[in-house]
Amino acid sequence: MKIKGLLLVACLAFLAGCAGPTTIYVRGVAPLNVNDKNESTPVDIRIFQLKDDAAFMSKAFEQLWENKGEILGGDRLGEPKQIPVYGGPANADPRPIELGDLNKDCRFIGIMALYPKQDGKGSQRVVVPASDAGSFVFELSGYKIEARK
């Protein structure tokens, strides 16, 4: 009887360690990526699973974007997911993005936003701990991306 109880406790402890699928939330807020006609236009983002975030944050943006982060070597876990983000009202519900089951070595989620220009008012990339990624809304506005709780 004690063995069955120990097995049950061990199984429950194992299952508690399984995080399951990960969903992140993204919202585009107009004005977003404004063109020459003063219209908001979509922005492509790439979502990376990362073993470590140091190289992701320190490498040149263009190098990361052009080779889909291959320059990160072993810190990039799998292929990045790319999606377009459209501008809308600031109070719109964020869009859920299913990332599925994360790589077992994933410690960080990094997101890059491809804007054709910068306004110097924010960053085009952001990193959050993978274990907490679903509690943020990744908000794109103007020419920047921010992680908001």
C-alpha atoms as a PDB file:
ATOM      1  CA  MET A   1       0.000   0.000   0.000  1.00  0.00           C
ATOM      2  CA  LYS A   2       2.848   2.392   0.847  1.00  0.00           C
ATOM      3  CA  ILE A   3       4.472   1.716  -2.524  1.00  0.00           C
ATOM      4  CA  LYS A   4       1.276   2.662  -4.381  1.00  0.00           C
ATOM      5  CA  GLY A   5       1.063   5.870  -2.363  1.00  0.00           C
ATOM      6  CA  LEU A   6       4.681   6.739  -3.135  1.00  0.00           C
ATOM      7  CA  LEU A   7       4.142   6.021  -6.831  1.00  0.00           C
ATOM      8  CA  LEU A   8       1.079   8.270  -6.868  1.00  0.00           C
ATOM      9  CA  VAL A   9       3.000  11.103  -5.196  1.00  0.00           C
ATOM     10  CA  ALA A  10       5.913  10.656  -7.632  1.00  0.00           C
ATOM     11  CA  CYS A  11       3.564  10.734 -10.651  1.00  0.00           C
ATOM     12  CA  LEU A  12       1.799  13.859  -9.405  1.00  0.00           C
ATOM     13  CA  ALA A  13       5.127  15.597  -8.769  1.00  0.00           C
ATOM     14  CA  PHE A  14       6.247  14.714 -12.300  1.00  0.00           C
ATOM     15  CA  LEU A  15       3.040  16.041 -13.854  1.00  0.00           C
ATOM     16  CA  ALA A  16       3.264  19.261 -11.850  1.00  0.00           C
ATOM     17  CA  GLY A  17       6.634  19.910 -13.507  1.00  0.00           C
ATOM     18  CA  CYS A  18       5.147  19.681 -17.012  1.00  0.00           C
ATOM     19  CA  ALA A  19       4.271  23.179 -18.143  1.00  0.00           C
ATOM     20  CA  GLY A  20       2.127  22.209 -21.125  1.00  0.00           C
ATOM     21  CA  PRO A  21       1.511  24.439 -24.163  1.00  0.00           C
ATOM     22  CA  THR A  22       2.502  28.103 -23.938  1.00  0.00           C
ATOM     23  CA  THR A  23       0.377  30.983 -25.196  1.00  0.00           C
ATOM     24  CA  ILE A  24       1.610  34.558 -25.433  1.00  0.00           C
ATOM     25  CA  TYR A  25      -0.478  37.656 -26.090  1.00  0.00           C
ATOM     26  CA  VAL A  26       0.247  40.370 -28.661  1.00  0.00           C
ATOM     27  CA  ARG A  27      -1.507  43.669 -29.353  1.00  0.00           C
ATOM     28  CA  GLY A  28      -0.825  46.258 -32.042  1.00  0.00           C
ATOM     29  CA  VAL A  29      -1.826  49.804 -31.117  1.00  0.00           C
ATOM     30  CA  ALA A  30      -2.313  52.493 -33.770  1.00  0.00           C
ATOM     31  CA  PRO A  31      -0.460  54.498 -34.829  1.00  0.00           C
ATOM     32  CA  LEU A  32       1.754  51.550 -35.727  1.00  0.00           C
ATOM     33  CA  ASN A  33       4.534  51.534 -38.302  1.00  0.00           C
ATOM     34  CA  VAL A  34       3.156  54.641 -40.013  1.00  0.00           C
ATOM     35  CA  ASN A  35       3.764  54.952 -43.769  1.00  0.00           C
ATOM     36  CA  ASP A  36       4.182  58.087 -45.910  1.00  0.00           C
ATOM     37  CA  LYS A  37       0.382  58.497 -46.091  1.00  0.00           C
ATOM     38  CA  ASN A  38       0.191  58.569 -42.266  1.00  0.00           C
ATOM     39  CA  GLU A  39      -1.524  55.154 -42.196  1.00  0.00           C
ATOM     40  CA  SER A  40      -0.754  52.361 -39.757  1.00  0.00           C
ATOM     41  CA  THR A  41       0.722  49.306 -41.457  1.00  0.00           C
ATOM     42  CA  PRO A  42       1.345  45.767 -40.166  1.00  0.00           C
ATOM     43  CA  VAL A  43       4.615  44.763 -38.527  1.00  0.00           C
ATOM     44  CA  ASP A  44       6.142  41.291 -38.760  1.00  0.00           C
ATOM     45  CA  ILE A  45       7.404  39.853 -35.504  1.00  0.00           C
ATOM     46  CA  ARG A  46       9.577  36.814 -34.859  1.00  0.00           C
ATOM     47  CA  ILE A  47       9.211  34.846 -31.665  1.00  0.00           C
ATOM     48  CA  PHE A  48      12.270  32.934 -30.466  1.00  0.00           C
ATOM     49  CA  GLN A  49      12.703  30.247 -27.838  1.00  0.00           C
ATOM     50  CA  LEU A  50      16.043  30.953 -26.184  1.00  0.00           C
ATOM     51  CA  LYS A  51      18.358  29.023 -23.918  1.00  0.00           C
ATOM     52  CA  ASP A  52      20.081  32.294 -22.918  1.00  0.00           C
ATOM     53  CA  ASP A  53      19.140  35.891 -23.727  1.00  0.00           C
ATOM     54  CA  ALA A  54      22.556  37.637 -23.720  1.00  0.00           C
ATOM     55  CA  ALA A  55      23.421  37.116 -27.405  1.00  0.00           C
ATOM     56  CA  PHE A  56      19.841  37.881 -28.502  1.00  0.00           C
ATOM     57  CA  MET A  57      19.990  41.267 -26.812  1.00  0.00           C
ATOM     58  CA  SER A  58      23.570  42.139 -27.809  1.00  0.00           C
ATOM     59  CA  LYS A  59      23.795  41.080 -31.483  1.00  0.00           C
ATOM     60  CA  ALA A  60      22.997  43.584 -34.220  1.00  0.00           C
ATOM     61  CA  PHE A  61      19.284  43.581 -35.032  1.00  0.00           C
ATOM     62  CA  GLU A  62      19.854  43.217 -38.773  1.00  0.00           C
ATOM     63  CA  GLN A  63      22.070  40.144 -38.298  1.00  0.00           C
ATOM     64  CA  LEU A  64      19.433  38.456 -36.152  1.00  0.00           C
ATOM     65  CA  TRP A  65      16.598  39.225 -38.556  1.00  0.00           C
ATOM     66  CA  GLU A  66      18.368  38.357 -41.803  1.00  0.00           C
ATOM     67  CA  ASN A  67      19.442  34.875 -40.742  1.00  0.00           C
ATOM     68  CA  LYS A  68      16.461  34.121 -38.470  1.00  0.00           C
ATOM     69  CA  GLY A  69      18.710  34.114 -35.445  1.00  0.00           C
ATOM     70  CA  GLU A  70      21.098  31.413 -36.694  1.00  0.00           C
ATOM     71  CA  ILE A  71      23.890  33.667 -35.391  1.00  0.00           C
ATOM     72  CA  LEU A  72      22.694  32.739 -31.879  1.00  0.00           C
ATOM     73  CA  GLY A  73      23.962  29.193 -32.311  1.00  0.00           C
ATOM     74  CA  GLY A  74      22.884  26.891 -29.474  1.00  0.00           C
ATOM     75  CA  ASP A  75      20.971  29.665 -27.695  1.00  0.00           C
ATOM     76  CA  ARG A  76      18.289  29.565 -30.414  1.00  0.00           C
ATOM     77  CA  LEU A  77      16.031  26.585 -29.811  1.00  0.00           C
ATOM     78  CA  GLY A  78      14.198  25.608 -32.985  1.00  0.00           C
ATOM     79  CA  GLU A  79      12.868  27.823 -35.744  1.00  0.00           C
ATOM     80  CA  PRO A  80      11.366  31.186 -34.783  1.00  0.00           C
ATOM     81  CA  LYS A  81       7.662  31.758 -35.353  1.00  0.00           C
ATOM     82  CA  GLN A  82       6.820  34.736 -37.590  1.00  0.00           C
ATOM     83  CA  ILE A  83       3.469  36.534 -37.610  1.00  0.00           C
ATOM     84  CA  PRO A  84       2.124  39.927 -38.743  1.00  0.00           C
ATOM     85  CA  VAL A  85       0.700  42.334 -36.159  1.00  0.00           C
ATOM     86  CA  TYR A  86      -1.904  44.945 -37.154  1.00  0.00           C
ATOM     87  CA  GLY A  87      -2.600  48.243 -35.401  1.00  0.00           C
ATOM     88  CA  GLY A  88      -5.869  48.777 -33.572  1.00  0.00           C
ATOM     89  CA  PRO A  89      -7.310  50.542 -30.525  1.00  0.00           C
ATOM     90  CA  ALA A  90      -5.300  50.551 -27.286  1.00  0.00           C
ATOM     91  CA  ASN A  91      -8.178  48.886 -25.418  1.00  0.00           C
ATOM     92  CA  ALA A  92      -8.524  45.977 -27.879  1.00  0.00           C
ATOM     93  CA  ASP A  93      -8.128  42.474 -26.521  1.00  0.00           C
ATOM     94  CA  PRO A  94      -4.656  41.093 -27.166  1.00  0.00           C
ATOM     95  CA  ARG A  95      -4.305  38.366 -29.782  1.00  0.00           C
ATOM     96  CA  PRO A  96      -3.317  34.949 -28.396  1.00  0.00           C
ATOM     97  CA  ILE A  97      -0.358  33.303 -30.139  1.00  0.00           C
ATOM     98  CA  GLU A  98       0.033  29.584 -29.492  1.00  0.00           C
ATOM     99  CA  LEU A  99       3.661  28.544 -29.125  1.00  0.00           C
ATOM    100  CA  GLY A 100       2.836  24.964 -28.191  1.00  0.00           C
ATOM    101  CA  ASP A 101       5.135  22.999 -25.915  1.00  0.00           C
ATOM    102  CA  LEU A 102       8.388  24.851 -25.382  1.00  0.00           C
ATOM    103  CA  ASN A 103      11.751  23.175 -25.807  1.00  0.00           C
ATOM    104  CA  LYS A 104      12.838  21.667 -22.482  1.00  0.00           C
ATOM    105  CA  ASP A 105      15.909  23.965 -22.452  1.00  0.00           C
ATOM    106  CA  CYS A 106      13.917  27.150 -23.170  1.00  0.00           C
ATOM    107  CA  ARG A 107      14.512  29.748 -20.450  1.00  0.00           C
ATOM    108  CA  PHE A 108      13.521  32.897 -22.355  1.00  0.00           C
ATOM    109  CA  ILE A 109      11.109  34.079 -25.043  1.00  0.00           C
ATOM    110  CA  GLY A 110      12.553  36.772 -27.299  1.00  0.00           C
ATOM    111  CA  ILE A 111      10.504  38.809 -29.753  1.00  0.00           C
ATOM    112  CA  MET A 112      11.783  41.008 -32.580  1.00  0.00           C
ATOM    113  CA  ALA A 113       9.614  43.528 -34.433  1.00  0.00           C
ATOM    114  CA  LEU A 114      10.680  44.402 -37.985  1.00  0.00           C
ATOM    115  CA  TYR A 115      10.063  48.105 -38.465  1.00  0.00           C
ATOM    116  CA  PRO A 116      11.480  49.802 -41.585  1.00  0.00           C
ATOM    117  CA  LYS A 117      12.598  52.746 -39.455  1.00  0.00           C
ATOM    118  CA  GLN A 118      13.116  53.783 -35.844  1.00  0.00           C
ATOM    119  CA  ASP A 119      12.026  56.835 -33.908  1.00  0.00           C
ATOM    120  CA  GLY A 120      14.437  56.398 -30.989  1.00  0.00           C
ATOM    121  CA  LYS A 121      11.547  56.058 -28.522  1.00  0.00           C
ATOM    122  CA  GLY A 122      11.857  52.362 -27.755  1.00  0.00           C
ATOM    123  CA  SER A 123      13.282  48.989 -28.612  1.00  0.00           C
ATOM    124  CA  GLN A 124      12.545  46.667 -31.522  1.00  0.00           C
ATOM    125  CA  ARG A 125      13.131  43.565 -29.388  1.00  0.00           C
ATOM    126  CA  VAL A 126      12.171  42.312 -25.971  1.00  0.00           C
ATOM    127  CA  VAL A 127      12.947  39.257 -23.811  1.00  0.00           C
ATOM    128  CA  VAL A 128      10.984  37.749 -20.914  1.00  0.00           C
ATOM    129  CA  PRO A 129      11.442  34.587 -18.842  1.00  0.00           C
ATOM    130  CA  ALA A 130       9.729  31.662 -20.579  1.00  0.00           C
ATOM    131  CA  SER A 131       8.073  30.603 -17.329  1.00  0.00           C
ATOM    132  CA  ASP A 132       6.295  33.980 -17.138  1.00  0.00           C
ATOM    133  CA  ALA A 133       5.725  34.713 -20.853  1.00  0.00           C
ATOM    134  CA  GLY A 134       1.952  34.121 -20.739  1.00  0.00           C
ATOM    135  CA  SER A 135       1.446  36.831 -18.120  1.00  0.00           C
ATOM    136  CA  PHE A 136       2.696  39.616 -20.423  1.00  0.00           C
ATOM    137  CA  VAL A 137       1.017  41.454 -23.276  1.00  0.00           C
ATOM    138  CA  PHE A 138       3.565  42.237 -25.975  1.00  0.00           C
ATOM    139  CA  GLU A 139       2.422  45.609 -27.251  1.00  0.00           C
ATOM    140  CA  LEU A 140       3.583  47.176 -30.499  1.00  0.00           C
ATOM    141  CA  SER A 141       3.002  50.876 -31.079  1.00  0.00           C
ATOM    142  CA  GLY A 142       4.770  53.511 -33.115  1.00  0.00           C
ATOM    143  CA  TYR A 143       8.085  51.821 -33.896  1.00  0.00           C
ATOM    144  CA  LYS A 144       8.653  49.872 -30.672  1.00  0.00           C
ATOM    145  CA  ILE A 145       7.674  46.729 -28.778  1.00  0.00           C
ATOM    146  CA  GLU A 146       7.131  46.496 -25.013  1.00  0.00           C
ATOM    147  CA  ALA A 147       6.293  43.686 -22.597  1.00  0.00           C
ATOM    148  CA  ARG A 148       3.484  44.861 -20.299  1.00  0.00           C
ATOM    149  CA  LYS A 149       2.076  43.059 -17.266  1.00  0.00           C
END
